[in-house]
Amino acid sequence: MARSPKEPDDIEQWLAPLSPIELAQFCRRWTPLIYNVKPGNPKYAILSIRLVAKITLKREKTVKNWFYSSQKVPDDIKKYLGAVDALWRISLTINKIVPSPGNPEE
């Protein structure tokens, strides 16, 4: 059976959440959640840089260059951050739905 032009196939549906994400957007979403530090806080930039360096296995100096000039962020890094973002959001959703073994709901 032929698909309609508007109907994505299964692969497209699975890959949609893995869209590239800009470094600034990734940091705005995850730095406050992980470090409890919001943009505008003097520690925000360095903690964002450390977070991205840790998950991408890149040097902090490299990430710092990306942080202050988003055009330099390689496409593969944006895709990787998109995948991490999607997985972390899924994890947060699951944690809200399913109680952790150490803290079961009554």
C-alpha atoms as a PDB file:
ATOM      1  CA  MET A   1       0.000   0.000   0.000  1.00  0.00           C
ATOM      2  CA  ALA A   2       1.409   3.392  -0.971  1.00  0.00           C
ATOM      3  CA  ARG A   3       1.949   6.043   1.667  1.00  0.00           C
ATOM      4  CA  SER A   4       0.425   9.450   1.312  1.00  0.00           C
ATOM      5  CA  PRO A   5       3.025  12.221   0.808  1.00  0.00           C
ATOM      6  CA  LYS A   6       2.240  13.629   4.276  1.00  0.00           C
ATOM      7  CA  GLU A   7       2.585  10.328   6.127  1.00  0.00           C
ATOM      8  CA  PRO A   8       6.153   9.739   7.399  1.00  0.00           C
ATOM      9  CA  ASP A   9       7.516   6.231   7.420  1.00  0.00           C
ATOM     10  CA  ASP A  10       8.541   4.497  10.647  1.00  0.00           C
ATOM     11  CA  ILE A  11      12.201   5.484  10.284  1.00  0.00           C
ATOM     12  CA  GLU A  12      11.327   9.168   9.990  1.00  0.00           C
ATOM     13  CA  GLN A  13       9.131   8.942  13.072  1.00  0.00           C
ATOM     14  CA  TRP A  14      11.914   7.340  15.100  1.00  0.00           C
ATOM     15  CA  LEU A  15      14.549   9.784  13.902  1.00  0.00           C
ATOM     16  CA  ALA A  16      12.442  12.920  14.389  1.00  0.00           C
ATOM     17  CA  PRO A  17      13.257  13.186  18.122  1.00  0.00           C
ATOM     18  CA  LEU A  18      16.935  12.871  17.241  1.00  0.00           C
ATOM     19  CA  SER A  19      17.009  16.145  15.369  1.00  0.00           C
ATOM     20  CA  PRO A  20      20.068  18.339  15.846  1.00  0.00           C
ATOM     21  CA  ILE A  21      19.855  20.835  18.676  1.00  0.00           C
ATOM     22  CA  GLU A  22      21.771  24.067  19.033  1.00  0.00           C
ATOM     23  CA  LEU A  23      24.321  24.242  21.827  1.00  0.00           C
ATOM     24  CA  ALA A  24      22.583  27.202  23.490  1.00  0.00           C
ATOM     25  CA  GLN A  25      19.227  25.414  23.493  1.00  0.00           C
ATOM     26  CA  PHE A  26      20.769  22.256  24.959  1.00  0.00           C
ATOM     27  CA  CYS A  27      22.465  24.285  27.703  1.00  0.00           C
ATOM     28  CA  ARG A  28      19.300  26.289  28.501  1.00  0.00           C
ATOM     29  CA  ARG A  29      17.386  23.050  28.969  1.00  0.00           C
ATOM     30  CA  TRP A  30      19.905  20.935  30.899  1.00  0.00           C
ATOM     31  CA  THR A  31      22.299  23.195  32.835  1.00  0.00           C
ATOM     32  CA  PRO A  32      19.502  24.494  35.117  1.00  0.00           C
ATOM     33  CA  LEU A  33      18.156  20.968  35.680  1.00  0.00           C
ATOM     34  CA  ILE A  34      21.521  19.375  36.397  1.00  0.00           C
ATOM     35  CA  TYR A  35      23.295  22.177  38.278  1.00  0.00           C
ATOM     36  CA  ASN A  36      20.360  24.306  39.499  1.00  0.00           C
ATOM     37  CA  VAL A  37      21.981  27.338  37.843  1.00  0.00           C
ATOM     38  CA  LYS A  38      20.038  29.549  35.441  1.00  0.00           C
ATOM     39  CA  PRO A  39      21.286  31.719  32.567  1.00  0.00           C
ATOM     40  CA  GLY A  40      22.488  34.999  33.990  1.00  0.00           C
ATOM     41  CA  ASN A  41      24.191  33.308  36.921  1.00  0.00           C
ATOM     42  CA  PRO A  42      27.974  33.864  36.743  1.00  0.00           C
ATOM     43  CA  LYS A  43      28.512  30.090  36.963  1.00  0.00           C
ATOM     44  CA  TYR A  44      26.100  29.244  34.117  1.00  0.00           C
ATOM     45  CA  ALA A  45      28.608  29.493  31.252  1.00  0.00           C
ATOM     46  CA  ILE A  46      31.378  27.463  32.871  1.00  0.00           C
ATOM     47  CA  LEU A  47      28.966  24.771  34.070  1.00  0.00           C
ATOM     48  CA  SER A  48      27.381  24.570  30.621  1.00  0.00           C
ATOM     49  CA  ILE A  49      30.815  24.259  29.031  1.00  0.00           C
ATOM     50  CA  ARG A  50      31.831  21.533  31.502  1.00  0.00           C
ATOM     51  CA  LEU A  51      28.602  19.623  30.899  1.00  0.00           C
ATOM     52  CA  VAL A  52      28.991  19.636  27.121  1.00  0.00           C
ATOM     53  CA  ALA A  53      32.696  18.797  27.350  1.00  0.00           C
ATOM     54  CA  LYS A  54      31.928  15.852  29.598  1.00  0.00           C
ATOM     55  CA  ILE A  55      29.225  14.325  27.406  1.00  0.00           C
ATOM     56  CA  THR A  56      30.990  14.968  24.080  1.00  0.00           C
ATOM     57  CA  LEU A  57      34.457  14.008  25.361  1.00  0.00           C
ATOM     58  CA  LYS A  58      35.836  17.272  23.954  1.00  0.00           C
ATOM     59  CA  ARG A  59      38.215  19.656  25.694  1.00  0.00           C
ATOM     60  CA  GLU A  60      36.636  22.509  27.654  1.00  0.00           C
ATOM     61  CA  LYS A  61      38.611  24.983  25.539  1.00  0.00           C
ATOM     62  CA  THR A  62      36.982  23.589  22.388  1.00  0.00           C
ATOM     63  CA  VAL A  63      33.501  23.742  23.896  1.00  0.00           C
ATOM     64  CA  LYS A  64      34.171  27.270  25.166  1.00  0.00           C
ATOM     65  CA  ASN A  65      34.907  28.322  21.576  1.00  0.00           C
ATOM     66  CA  TRP A  66      31.608  26.746  20.481  1.00  0.00           C
ATOM     67  CA  PHE A  67      29.733  28.318  23.387  1.00  0.00           C
ATOM     68  CA  TYR A  68      30.680  31.829  22.392  1.00  0.00           C
ATOM     69  CA  SER A  69      30.320  31.286  18.614  1.00  0.00           C
ATOM     70  CA  SER A  70      27.533  28.832  17.756  1.00  0.00           C
ATOM     71  CA  GLN A  71      28.457  28.828  14.056  1.00  0.00           C
ATOM     72  CA  LYS A  72      31.552  26.787  14.925  1.00  0.00           C
ATOM     73  CA  VAL A  73      29.632  23.874  16.477  1.00  0.00           C
ATOM     74  CA  PRO A  74      30.096  20.902  14.112  1.00  0.00           C
ATOM     75  CA  ASP A  75      26.937  19.319  12.729  1.00  0.00           C
ATOM     76  CA  ASP A  76      27.811  15.924  14.213  1.00  0.00           C
ATOM     77  CA  ILE A  77      28.001  17.498  17.676  1.00  0.00           C
ATOM     78  CA  LYS A  78      24.589  19.142  17.179  1.00  0.00           C
ATOM     79  CA  LYS A  79      23.174  15.750  16.173  1.00  0.00           C
ATOM     80  CA  TYR A  80      24.814  14.100  19.177  1.00  0.00           C
ATOM     81  CA  LEU A  81      23.414  16.745  21.530  1.00  0.00           C
ATOM     82  CA  GLY A  82      20.013  16.210  19.929  1.00  0.00           C
ATOM     83  CA  ALA A  83      20.231  12.486  20.642  1.00  0.00           C
ATOM     84  CA  VAL A  84      21.334  13.080  24.244  1.00  0.00           C
ATOM     85  CA  ASP A  85      18.544  15.628  24.694  1.00  0.00           C
ATOM     86  CA  ALA A  86      15.938  13.176  23.397  1.00  0.00           C
ATOM     87  CA  LEU A  87      17.201  10.338  25.593  1.00  0.00           C
ATOM     88  CA  TRP A  88      17.355  12.518  28.703  1.00  0.00           C
ATOM     89  CA  ARG A  89      13.815  13.815  28.060  1.00  0.00           C
ATOM     90  CA  ILE A  90      12.587  10.229  27.673  1.00  0.00           C
ATOM     91  CA  SER A  91      14.348   9.318  30.922  1.00  0.00           C
ATOM     92  CA  LEU A  92      12.681  12.223  32.755  1.00  0.00           C
ATOM     93  CA  THR A  93       9.292  11.162  31.420  1.00  0.00           C
ATOM     94  CA  ILE A  94       9.799   7.556  32.488  1.00  0.00           C
ATOM     95  CA  ASN A  95      10.954   8.661  35.940  1.00  0.00           C
ATOM     96  CA  LYS A  96       7.721  10.641  36.347  1.00  0.00           C
ATOM     97  CA  ILE A  97       5.591   7.661  35.331  1.00  0.00           C
ATOM     98  CA  VAL A  98       7.424   4.758  36.955  1.00  0.00           C
ATOM     99  CA  PRO A  99       8.463   5.077  40.603  1.00  0.00           C
ATOM    100  CA  SER A 100      12.082   4.284  41.330  1.00  0.00           C
ATOM    101  CA  PRO A 101      12.716   0.980  43.157  1.00  0.00           C
ATOM    102  CA  GLY A 102      14.167   2.793  46.155  1.00  0.00           C
ATOM    103  CA  ASN A 103      11.202   5.152  46.481  1.00  0.00           C
ATOM    104  CA  PRO A 104       7.979   3.319  45.545  1.00  0.00           C
ATOM    105  CA  GLU A 105       4.733   5.249  45.657  1.00  0.00           C
ATOM    106  CA  GLU A 106       2.250   4.175  48.266  1.00  0.00           C
END
